[in-house]
Amino acid sequence: MLVLTFVQLFEAYRSLWSNRSLIKAEVLTEEKCKSLLYEAVEKELRDEMTHPRVRQTPEMKFRYAIRRIVASSLTESEKLALIELHLEVMERIAV
């Protein structure tokens, strides 16, 4: 199985959520990409980009994210890595 770097994973995430304002010009290190990815996924799952009165639950946002990842044209390795990342973040915020 191919092991992806956080830089590769960040690019895969950015290709799926292209409307997100993620850093583009800055030189991205492995640590910076890891930090940005965890932050972006947590924001997505907490639905922080939506007005508080219409926010959906993290469980619902997780479901939507997984469906989006599975239906994408990403490689199987990218899909699996993004799903694992979402699972990790979901377990962390569900506590």
Foldseek 3Di string as FASTA:
>chain_A
DDDDQLVVLLVVVCVLVVVDPDDDPDDDDSVNSVVSLLVVLLCQLQVVVDDVVPDDHSVVSLVVVLVSLVPDPDDPNSSVVSNVSNVVSCVVVVD
